[in-house]
Amino acid sequence: MRLLRLFFATAAAGCVSVSLAAAQPAPAGDAARGEQLYPLRCGACHSLDANRVGPRHRGVVGRRAASIADFNYSPALRRLNATWDAPALDRWLTNPTAVAPGTSMGIRVASAQERADIIAYLRANPAR
């Protein structure tokens, strides 16, 4: 089982900083498989190009958390001081409430391979 540790530090501005340390390397992701998984695991609330229940995902890799101006994020996400890189997205998809207690996202992706595939798909869809 993949072991991850999450460290929280409170910044002066009341933000939560996230640092991730993985005990094992993440599996290689398959963007084509991620494209198939995305609507099944994420599509009920998200899309690449439109805000829905959750914010749009195109360009999420490399984006600061809670940074889309026209989306109303939960207070938990607004406090999160993180950039959505592959390790942060992996941790988020593993257990969002551990990353940002109080978040409104409660969906988890248990499979490390499925998380890697979804992240590869998101990486293949940068901001335009």
C-alpha atoms as a PDB file:
ATOM      1  CA  MET A   1       0.000   0.000   0.000  1.00  0.00           C
ATOM      2  CA  ARG A   2       1.277   3.404  -0.868  1.00  0.00           C
ATOM      3  CA  LEU A   3       2.136   5.452   2.173  1.00  0.00           C
ATOM      4  CA  LEU A   4       1.753   9.203   2.151  1.00  0.00           C
ATOM      5  CA  ARG A   5       2.341  11.685   4.882  1.00  0.00           C
ATOM      6  CA  LEU A   6       0.627  15.026   5.000  1.00  0.00           C
ATOM      7  CA  PHE A   7       1.991  17.917   6.978  1.00  0.00           C
ATOM      8  CA  PHE A   8      -0.074  20.993   7.768  1.00  0.00           C
ATOM      9  CA  ALA A   9       1.379  24.314   8.771  1.00  0.00           C
ATOM     10  CA  THR A  10      -0.702  27.362   9.489  1.00  0.00           C
ATOM     11  CA  ALA A  11       0.534  30.490   7.770  1.00  0.00           C
ATOM     12  CA  ALA A  12       0.064  33.976   9.165  1.00  0.00           C
ATOM     13  CA  ALA A  13      -2.724  34.599   6.653  1.00  0.00           C
ATOM     14  CA  GLY A  14      -4.697  31.639   7.978  1.00  0.00           C
ATOM     15  CA  CYS A  15      -3.795  29.447   5.027  1.00  0.00           C
ATOM     16  CA  VAL A  16      -2.948  25.790   5.236  1.00  0.00           C
ATOM     17  CA  SER A  17       0.224  24.729   3.444  1.00  0.00           C
ATOM     18  CA  VAL A  18       0.425  21.184   2.177  1.00  0.00           C
ATOM     19  CA  SER A  19       3.640  19.215   1.799  1.00  0.00           C
ATOM     20  CA  LEU A  20       3.524  15.702   0.469  1.00  0.00           C
ATOM     21  CA  ALA A  21       6.080  12.944   0.882  1.00  0.00           C
ATOM     22  CA  ALA A  22       5.493   9.632  -0.874  1.00  0.00           C
ATOM     23  CA  ALA A  23       7.061   6.447   0.471  1.00  0.00           C
ATOM     24  CA  GLN A  24       6.842   4.776  -2.950  1.00  0.00           C
ATOM     25  CA  PRO A  25       6.906   6.219  -6.455  1.00  0.00           C
ATOM     26  CA  ALA A  26       3.520   6.718  -8.074  1.00  0.00           C
ATOM     27  CA  PRO A  27       2.602   4.317 -10.870  1.00  0.00           C
ATOM     28  CA  ALA A  28       2.963   5.626 -14.413  1.00  0.00           C
ATOM     29  CA  GLY A  29      -0.268   7.150 -15.637  1.00  0.00           C
ATOM     30  CA  ASP A  30      -2.016   6.374 -18.905  1.00  0.00           C
ATOM     31  CA  ALA A  31      -3.791   9.474 -20.244  1.00  0.00           C
ATOM     32  CA  ALA A  32      -5.986   7.430 -22.618  1.00  0.00           C
ATOM     33  CA  ARG A  33      -7.210   5.307 -19.714  1.00  0.00           C
ATOM     34  CA  GLY A  34      -7.625   8.490 -17.666  1.00  0.00           C
ATOM     35  CA  GLU A  35      -9.848   9.916 -20.386  1.00  0.00           C
ATOM     36  CA  GLN A  36     -12.120   6.891 -19.932  1.00  0.00           C
ATOM     37  CA  LEU A  37     -12.036   7.123 -16.129  1.00  0.00           C
ATOM     38  CA  TYR A  38     -12.555  10.889 -15.866  1.00  0.00           C
ATOM     39  CA  PRO A  39     -16.296  10.901 -16.668  1.00  0.00           C
ATOM     40  CA  LEU A  40     -16.854   7.913 -14.376  1.00  0.00           C
ATOM     41  CA  ARG A  41     -14.914   9.213 -11.357  1.00  0.00           C
ATOM     42  CA  CYS A  42     -15.057  12.993 -11.815  1.00  0.00           C
ATOM     43  CA  GLY A  43     -17.746  13.775 -14.382  1.00  0.00           C
ATOM     44  CA  ALA A  44     -20.711  13.931 -12.017  1.00  0.00           C
ATOM     45  CA  CYS A  45     -19.350  17.186 -10.595  1.00  0.00           C
ATOM     46  CA  HIS A  46     -16.556  18.364 -12.932  1.00  0.00           C
ATOM     47  CA  SER A  47     -15.801  18.931 -16.583  1.00  0.00           C
ATOM     48  CA  LEU A  48     -12.682  20.138 -18.339  1.00  0.00           C
ATOM     49  CA  ASP A  49     -14.140  23.428 -19.533  1.00  0.00           C
ATOM     50  CA  ALA A  50     -17.166  24.364 -17.421  1.00  0.00           C
ATOM     51  CA  ASN A  51     -17.684  25.000 -13.742  1.00  0.00           C
ATOM     52  CA  ARG A  52     -20.329  22.679 -12.408  1.00  0.00           C
ATOM     53  CA  VAL A  53     -20.751  21.501  -8.810  1.00  0.00           C
ATOM     54  CA  GLY A  54     -16.933  21.532  -8.819  1.00  0.00           C
ATOM     55  CA  PRO A  55     -14.558  23.822 -10.711  1.00  0.00           C
ATOM     56  CA  ARG A  56     -13.412  23.196 -14.281  1.00  0.00           C
ATOM     57  CA  HIS A  57     -10.332  21.043 -14.623  1.00  0.00           C
ATOM     58  CA  ARG A  58      -8.620  22.127 -17.844  1.00  0.00           C
ATOM     59  CA  GLY A  59      -5.231  23.452 -16.761  1.00  0.00           C
ATOM     60  CA  VAL A  60      -5.586  22.210 -13.174  1.00  0.00           C
ATOM     61  CA  VAL A  61      -2.074  20.694 -13.174  1.00  0.00           C
ATOM     62  CA  GLY A  62       0.181  23.530 -12.060  1.00  0.00           C
ATOM     63  CA  ARG A  63      -2.699  25.762 -10.929  1.00  0.00           C
ATOM     64  CA  ARG A  64      -2.969  27.164  -7.411  1.00  0.00           C
ATOM     65  CA  ALA A  65      -5.800  25.688  -5.349  1.00  0.00           C
ATOM     66  CA  ALA A  66      -8.983  27.776  -5.294  1.00  0.00           C
ATOM     67  CA  SER A  67      -7.717  30.127  -7.996  1.00  0.00           C
ATOM     68  CA  ILE A  68     -10.520  30.149 -10.575  1.00  0.00           C
ATOM     69  CA  ALA A  69     -12.097  33.560 -10.104  1.00  0.00           C
ATOM     70  CA  ASP A  70     -15.594  32.580 -11.233  1.00  0.00           C
ATOM     71  CA  PHE A  71     -15.978  29.541  -8.968  1.00  0.00           C
ATOM     72  CA  ASN A  72     -17.250  29.706  -5.368  1.00  0.00           C
ATOM     73  CA  TYR A  73     -14.842  27.456  -3.451  1.00  0.00           C
ATOM     74  CA  SER A  74     -15.477  26.126   0.033  1.00  0.00           C
ATOM     75  CA  PRO A  75     -13.681  27.934   2.866  1.00  0.00           C
ATOM     76  CA  ALA A  76     -11.496  24.823   3.278  1.00  0.00           C
ATOM     77  CA  LEU A  77     -10.204  25.150  -0.285  1.00  0.00           C
ATOM     78  CA  ARG A  78      -9.760  28.913  -0.021  1.00  0.00           C
ATOM     79  CA  ARG A  79      -7.503  28.311   3.010  1.00  0.00           C
ATOM     80  CA  LEU A  80      -5.467  25.640   1.238  1.00  0.00           C
ATOM     81  CA  ASN A  81      -2.066  26.931   0.176  1.00  0.00           C
ATOM     82  CA  ALA A  82      -1.179  24.383  -2.486  1.00  0.00           C
ATOM     83  CA  THR A  83      -0.412  23.999  -6.155  1.00  0.00           C
ATOM     84  CA  TRP A  84      -2.062  21.110  -7.960  1.00  0.00           C
ATOM     85  CA  ASP A  85       0.962  19.142  -9.079  1.00  0.00           C
ATOM     86  CA  ALA A  86       0.873  15.351  -9.512  1.00  0.00           C
ATOM     87  CA  PRO A  87       1.686  14.488  -5.860  1.00  0.00           C
ATOM     88  CA  ALA A  88      -0.868  16.992  -4.538  1.00  0.00           C
ATOM     89  CA  LEU A  89      -3.553  15.710  -6.903  1.00  0.00           C
ATOM     90  CA  ASP A  90      -2.747  12.137  -5.926  1.00  0.00           C
ATOM     91  CA  ARG A  91      -3.120  12.958  -2.242  1.00  0.00           C
ATOM     92  CA  TRP A  92      -6.311  14.919  -2.943  1.00  0.00           C
ATOM     93  CA  LEU A  93      -7.896  12.079  -4.901  1.00  0.00           C
ATOM     94  CA  THR A  94      -6.836   9.613  -2.199  1.00  0.00           C
ATOM     95  CA  ASN A  95      -8.620  11.506   0.585  1.00  0.00           C
ATOM     96  CA  PRO A  96      -9.753  15.104  -0.016  1.00  0.00           C
ATOM     97  CA  THR A  97     -11.009  15.597   3.535  1.00  0.00           C
ATOM     98  CA  ALA A  98      -7.540  14.793   4.928  1.00  0.00           C
ATOM     99  CA  VAL A  99      -5.985  17.423   2.651  1.00  0.00           C
ATOM    100  CA  ALA A 100      -8.600  20.114   3.318  1.00  0.00           C
ATOM    101  CA  PRO A 101     -10.789  19.317   6.330  1.00  0.00           C
ATOM    102  CA  GLY A 102     -14.233  20.771   5.710  1.00  0.00           C
ATOM    103  CA  THR A 103     -14.051  20.510   1.923  1.00  0.00           C
ATOM    104  CA  SER A 104     -17.292  19.781   0.141  1.00  0.00           C
ATOM    105  CA  MET A 105     -15.592  17.126  -2.017  1.00  0.00           C
ATOM    106  CA  GLY A 106     -15.999  13.710  -0.496  1.00  0.00           C
ATOM    107  CA  ILE A 107     -15.271  11.468  -3.479  1.00  0.00           C
ATOM    108  CA  ARG A 108     -12.161   9.287  -3.249  1.00  0.00           C
ATOM    109  CA  VAL A 109     -10.335   7.268  -5.886  1.00  0.00           C
ATOM    110  CA  ALA A 110      -8.966   4.239  -4.038  1.00  0.00           C
ATOM    111  CA  SER A 111      -6.858   2.777  -6.858  1.00  0.00           C
ATOM    112  CA  ALA A 112      -3.362   4.284  -7.179  1.00  0.00           C
ATOM    113  CA  GLN A 113      -3.347   3.305 -10.860  1.00  0.00           C
ATOM    114  CA  GLU A 114      -6.684   5.010 -11.524  1.00  0.00           C
ATOM    115  CA  ARG A 115      -5.445   8.160  -9.756  1.00  0.00           C
ATOM    116  CA  ALA A 116      -2.281   8.131 -11.883  1.00  0.00           C
ATOM    117  CA  ASP A 117      -4.334   7.669 -15.058  1.00  0.00           C
ATOM    118  CA  ILE A 118      -6.706  10.531 -14.190  1.00  0.00           C
ATOM    119  CA  ILE A 119      -3.763  12.794 -13.342  1.00  0.00           C
ATOM    120  CA  ALA A 120      -2.073  11.876 -16.654  1.00  0.00           C
ATOM    121  CA  TYR A 121      -5.304  12.831 -18.445  1.00  0.00           C
ATOM    122  CA  LEU A 122      -5.490  16.143 -16.582  1.00  0.00           C
ATOM    123  CA  ARG A 123      -1.819  16.813 -17.391  1.00  0.00           C
ATOM    124  CA  ALA A 124      -2.619  16.174 -21.085  1.00  0.00           C
ATOM    125  CA  ASN A 125      -5.258  18.955 -20.945  1.00  0.00           C
ATOM    126  CA  PRO A 126      -3.357  22.154 -20.084  1.00  0.00           C
ATOM    127  CA  ALA A 127      -4.902  25.614 -20.039  1.00  0.00           C
ATOM    128  CA  ARG A 128      -5.512  27.079 -23.481  1.00  0.00           C
END
